[in-house]
Amino acid sequence: MPFCIKYFSSVEVINYYFCKEASMNYLDRITINPDICHGKPCIRCMRWPVEVIIDMLGSGMTIEKIITDHQELEREDILASLNFAKLYLSGRSIKEFA
């Protein structure tokens, strides 16, 4: 996996440090880099935005089907996307987990 630097600003909803919550919910797999996918939350510095993963699940694809079709993705990447979406939509501050 290529080296990726995680970028964050005070306006962004994401924090790099999720501490215990990150390891429990795989949120450490979510990265933001302004040079990748226009700074959208992505999977492990790859060009896989979280929104695309959620869209595939929403279209009825199973985790197994996504992994079979896109072998660079792992089950934990899909779970990280779901956990990120849950946290983002909950309205809770990411800083609570830092």
Foldseek 3Di string as FASTA:
>chain_A
DDDDDADDDPPDQDDCDLDPVCVVQVLNQWGFDCVAPNRATAGNPDNHHLVNLVVCVVVPDDLVNVCVVPVVDDSSSSSNSVVVVCVVVVPDGSVVRD
